[in-house]
Amino acid sequence: MAQYTLAPVGSIEQFLEEFTYLGIFLVLFLAGLGVPIPEELPILASGVLAHEGVVRWWLALPVCVLGVLSGDVVLYWVGRHWGERVLAWRLVRHVLSPAREEALKVAYRRHGVKVIFTARHVMGLRAAAFLTAGIARVPFGWFLAADAAGAVLGVPVGFGLAFFFTDQLEAIVADVRRVERWAALLALVVIAGWIAVHAYRRSRALEREAQAARGDAR
């Protein structure tokens, strides 16, 4: 089986291979709750494992959909049950600030459940949008329908791409890692250059101050 040595895809794939369907569900459920794991990664990893025969695609794909929806539903009911009190929770403040909540409420008033469908496909916005849907008391039926429509559309696309293009995915991830290394090297060069220029300017300023002090002393 092809082993990915590139984190975080490789580490997630290894975890899912260890725990198969339960692992797929748990990772996606936690990602849905706002744990900093992009849900696209376990979906891609599940597609790779299905391609390699570790899991059956016709079981893994529904588990992926169920995993993402379960986390979303929990967030909705947390927001609906506790309301704006959740904004005082330390964990919630990382994903939903009062300003962001107000902006999402305005979006719900203007665009309705279309916000839910859109947020399902926007990394970093999902948890905040689903919490706010509960706080704003968007009808649960409408919430679930819009969220499920988004999941049924998006999850199979990511899963299918990984399933049919496993080899190409590995090459793409490798290319991304190479770009990241060059970007990190460039950042270090820029930082080193900035430090050198700053030190030079500081030394020149101190030298001018010293010359001015000697002139005043005369």
Protein backbone atom coordinates (compact mmCIF):
# COMPACT_ATOMS: atom_id res chain seq x y z
CA MET A 1 0.00 0.00 0.00
CA ALA A 2 1.23 3.50 -0.81
CA GLN A 3 2.38 5.22 2.34
CA TYR A 4 2.20 8.99 2.60
CA THR A 5 5.11 10.46 4.47
CA LEU A 6 3.73 13.97 4.15
CA ALA A 7 1.90 15.28 7.19
CA PRO A 8 -0.87 15.92 7.86
CA VAL A 9 -2.34 13.68 5.15
CA GLY A 10 -0.08 10.76 6.03
CA SER A 11 -0.75 10.81 9.76
CA ILE A 12 -4.52 11.01 9.22
CA GLU A 13 -4.41 8.18 6.69
CA GLN A 14 -2.46 5.99 9.13
CA PHE A 15 -4.99 6.69 11.90
CA LEU A 16 -7.92 5.85 9.63
CA GLU A 17 -6.21 2.68 8.44
CA GLU A 18 -5.84 1.62 12.09
CA PHE A 19 -9.47 2.28 13.09
CA THR A 20 -11.15 2.12 9.64
CA TYR A 21 -14.82 3.15 9.71
CA LEU A 22 -14.89 4.23 13.35
CA GLY A 23 -11.75 6.27 12.77
CA ILE A 24 -13.29 7.96 9.71
CA PHE A 25 -16.40 8.88 11.68
CA LEU A 26 -14.54 10.14 14.77
CA VAL A 27 -12.07 12.32 12.85
CA LEU A 28 -14.81 13.92 10.78
CA PHE A 29 -17.07 14.33 13.81
CA LEU A 30 -14.29 16.14 15.70
CA ALA A 31 -13.45 18.24 12.65
CA GLY A 32 -17.11 19.24 12.47
CA LEU A 33 -16.99 20.40 16.09
CA GLY A 34 -14.20 22.83 15.26
CA VAL A 35 -11.10 20.78 16.10
CA PRO A 36 -8.38 22.21 13.82
CA ILE A 37 -8.47 19.35 11.31
CA PRO A 38 -9.71 20.35 7.85
CA GLU A 39 -12.43 17.81 7.12
CA GLU A 40 -11.21 17.58 3.52
CA LEU A 41 -8.11 15.68 4.71
CA PRO A 42 -9.89 12.66 6.28
CA ILE A 43 -12.27 12.56 3.30
CA LEU A 44 -9.31 12.42 0.90
CA ALA A 45 -7.59 9.84 3.09
CA SER A 46 -10.76 7.73 3.12
CA GLY A 47 -10.87 7.82 -0.67
CA VAL A 48 -7.24 6.67 -0.82
CA LEU A 49 -7.92 3.81 1.59
CA ALA A 50 -10.94 2.76 -0.46
CA HIS A 51 -8.78 2.78 -3.59
CA GLU A 52 -6.25 0.54 -1.86
CA GLY A 53 -8.96 -1.86 -0.68
CA VAL A 54 -8.49 -1.14 3.04
CA VAL A 55 -12.13 -0.02 3.31
CA ARG A 56 -15.15 -0.57 1.07
CA TRP A 57 -16.07 2.61 -0.73
CA TRP A 58 -19.82 1.97 -0.45
CA LEU A 59 -19.44 1.91 3.34
CA ALA A 60 -16.73 4.54 3.77
CA LEU A 61 -18.53 7.20 1.72
CA PRO A 62 -21.78 7.14 3.77
CA VAL A 63 -19.69 7.11 6.96
CA CYS A 64 -17.93 10.28 5.73
CA VAL A 65 -21.27 11.99 5.11
CA LEU A 66 -22.63 10.85 8.48
CA GLY A 67 -19.46 12.03 10.25
CA VAL A 68 -19.58 15.56 8.88
CA LEU A 69 -23.31 15.92 9.46
CA SER A 70 -23.11 14.63 13.05
CA GLY A 71 -20.64 17.30 14.09
CA ASP A 72 -22.70 20.00 12.39
CA VAL A 73 -25.90 18.91 14.14
CA VAL A 74 -24.20 18.91 17.55
CA LEU A 75 -22.98 22.47 16.97
CA TYR A 76 -26.46 23.56 15.92
CA TRP A 77 -28.09 22.13 19.05
CA VAL A 78 -25.38 23.57 21.31
CA GLY A 79 -26.15 27.01 19.90
CA ARG A 80 -29.92 26.48 20.07
CA HIS A 81 -29.87 25.13 23.65
CA TRP A 82 -27.44 27.58 25.26
CA GLY A 83 -27.95 30.57 22.97
CA GLU A 84 -25.53 33.47 23.20
CA ARG A 85 -24.16 32.12 26.49
CA VAL A 86 -21.84 29.95 24.39
CA LEU A 87 -19.91 33.10 23.43
CA ALA A 88 -18.50 33.14 26.95
CA TRP A 89 -17.02 29.66 26.53
CA ARG A 90 -13.29 29.69 25.91
CA LEU A 91 -13.44 27.01 23.21
CA VAL A 92 -16.23 28.79 21.37
CA ARG A 93 -14.39 32.13 21.33
CA HIS A 94 -11.80 30.58 19.00
CA VAL A 95 -14.38 30.08 16.26
CA LEU A 96 -17.19 32.52 17.04
CA SER A 97 -16.63 36.06 18.24
CA PRO A 98 -19.58 38.40 18.99
CA ALA A 99 -18.79 40.39 15.83
CA ARG A 100 -18.74 37.27 13.70
CA GLU A 101 -21.98 36.05 15.26
CA GLU A 102 -23.69 39.34 14.45
CA ALA A 103 -22.44 39.27 10.86
CA LEU A 104 -23.74 35.72 10.43
CA LYS A 105 -27.11 36.65 11.91
CA VAL A 106 -27.41 39.45 9.36
CA ALA A 107 -26.48 36.97 6.62
CA TYR A 108 -29.18 34.53 7.84
CA ARG A 109 -31.79 37.29 7.82
CA ARG A 110 -30.87 38.29 4.28
CA HIS A 111 -30.11 34.95 2.66
CA GLY A 112 -31.70 32.31 4.89
CA VAL A 113 -30.45 28.75 4.75
CA LYS A 114 -28.32 29.52 1.68
CA VAL A 115 -25.72 30.62 4.23
CA ILE A 116 -25.64 27.07 5.65
CA PHE A 117 -25.15 25.52 2.21
CA THR A 118 -22.34 27.98 1.42
CA ALA A 119 -20.64 27.63 4.82
CA ARG A 120 -20.50 23.84 4.39
CA HIS A 121 -17.95 24.42 1.61
CA VAL A 122 -15.91 27.17 3.31
CA MET A 123 -13.12 25.97 5.58
CA GLY A 124 -12.93 28.02 8.78
CA LEU A 125 -16.53 29.23 8.56
CA ARG A 126 -18.47 26.01 9.13
CA ALA A 127 -18.37 25.80 12.92
CA ALA A 128 -19.20 29.49 13.41
CA ALA A 129 -22.07 29.35 10.90
CA PHE A 130 -23.64 26.22 12.38
CA LEU A 131 -23.38 27.48 15.96
CA THR A 132 -24.98 30.75 14.91
CA ALA A 133 -27.75 28.89 13.08
CA GLY A 134 -28.71 27.34 16.41
CA ILE A 135 -28.42 30.64 18.29
CA ALA A 136 -30.56 32.35 15.64
CA ARG A 137 -33.05 29.46 15.91
CA VAL A 138 -33.04 28.62 12.24
CA PRO A 139 -35.67 25.82 11.91
CA PHE A 140 -33.88 22.50 12.37
CA GLY A 141 -35.52 20.91 9.35
CA TRP A 142 -34.27 23.68 7.08
CA PHE A 143 -30.83 23.56 8.67
CA LEU A 144 -30.50 19.80 8.22
CA ALA A 145 -31.79 19.89 4.64
CA ALA A 146 -29.36 22.62 3.58
CA ASP A 147 -26.42 21.05 5.41
CA ALA A 148 -27.17 17.58 4.04
CA ALA A 149 -27.47 18.96 0.51
CA GLY A 150 -24.06 20.59 0.86
CA ALA A 151 -22.51 17.43 2.30
CA VAL A 152 -24.02 15.13 -0.32
CA LEU A 153 -22.61 17.41 -2.99
CA GLY A 154 -19.18 18.11 -1.54
CA VAL A 155 -18.13 14.91 0.25
CA PRO A 156 -18.45 12.54 -2.74
CA VAL A 157 -16.43 14.96 -4.89
CA GLY A 158 -13.43 14.91 -2.53
CA PHE A 159 -13.79 11.19 -1.89
CA GLY A 160 -14.08 10.41 -5.59
CA LEU A 161 -11.09 12.54 -6.58
CA ALA A 162 -8.92 10.71 -4.04
CA PHE A 163 -10.34 7.31 -5.05
CA PHE A 164 -9.76 7.71 -8.79
CA PHE A 165 -6.59 9.81 -8.69
CA THR A 166 -4.66 8.37 -5.74
CA ASP A 167 -1.28 8.40 -7.51
CA GLN A 168 -1.75 11.94 -8.77
CA LEU A 169 -2.82 13.06 -5.29
CA GLU A 170 0.45 11.81 -3.84
CA ALA A 171 2.38 13.75 -6.48
CA ILE A 172 0.33 16.89 -5.80
CA VAL A 173 0.92 16.65 -2.05
CA ALA A 174 4.64 16.15 -2.69
CA ASP A 175 4.68 19.25 -4.91
CA VAL A 176 2.89 21.25 -2.23
CA ARG A 177 5.46 20.14 0.34
CA ARG A 178 8.31 21.25 -1.93
CA VAL A 179 6.66 24.64 -2.40
CA GLU A 180 6.24 24.94 1.38
CA ARG A 181 9.95 24.24 1.89
CA TRP A 182 10.99 26.89 -0.65
CA ALA A 183 8.52 29.36 0.87
CA ALA A 184 9.95 28.72 4.34
CA LEU A 185 13.49 29.23 3.00
CA LEU A 186 12.45 32.46 1.30
CA ALA A 187 10.80 33.66 4.53
CA LEU A 188 14.02 32.98 6.47
CA VAL A 189 16.05 34.90 3.89
CA VAL A 190 13.64 37.84 4.07
CA ILE A 191 13.72 37.84 7.88
CA ALA A 192 17.52 37.63 7.93
CA GLY A 193 17.73 40.49 5.43
CA TRP A 194 15.34 42.60 7.48
CA ILE A 195 17.36 41.98 10.64
CA ALA A 196 20.60 42.91 8.84
CA VAL A 197 19.13 46.13 7.43
CA HIS A 198 17.60 47.03 10.78
CA ALA A 199 20.91 46.40 12.56
CA TYR A 200 22.79 48.49 9.98
CA ARG A 201 20.36 51.40 10.30
CA ARG A 202 20.53 51.18 14.06
CA SER A 203 24.32 51.20 14.07
CA ARG A 204 24.35 54.22 11.72
CA ALA A 205 21.89 56.04 13.98
CA LEU A 206 24.04 55.34 17.04
CA GLU A 207 27.11 56.50 15.18
CA ARG A 208 25.42 59.80 14.23
CA GLU A 209 24.27 60.26 17.81
CA ALA A 210 27.81 59.67 19.03
CA GLN A 211 29.19 62.21 16.52
CA ALA A 212 26.58 64.74 17.56
CA ALA A 213 27.45 64.18 21.21
CA ARG A 214 31.16 64.74 20.49
CA GLY A 215 30.31 67.93 18.59
CA ASP A 216 28.24 69.25 21.50
CA ALA A 217 31.07 68.44 23.88
CA ARG A 218 33.41 70.67 21.90
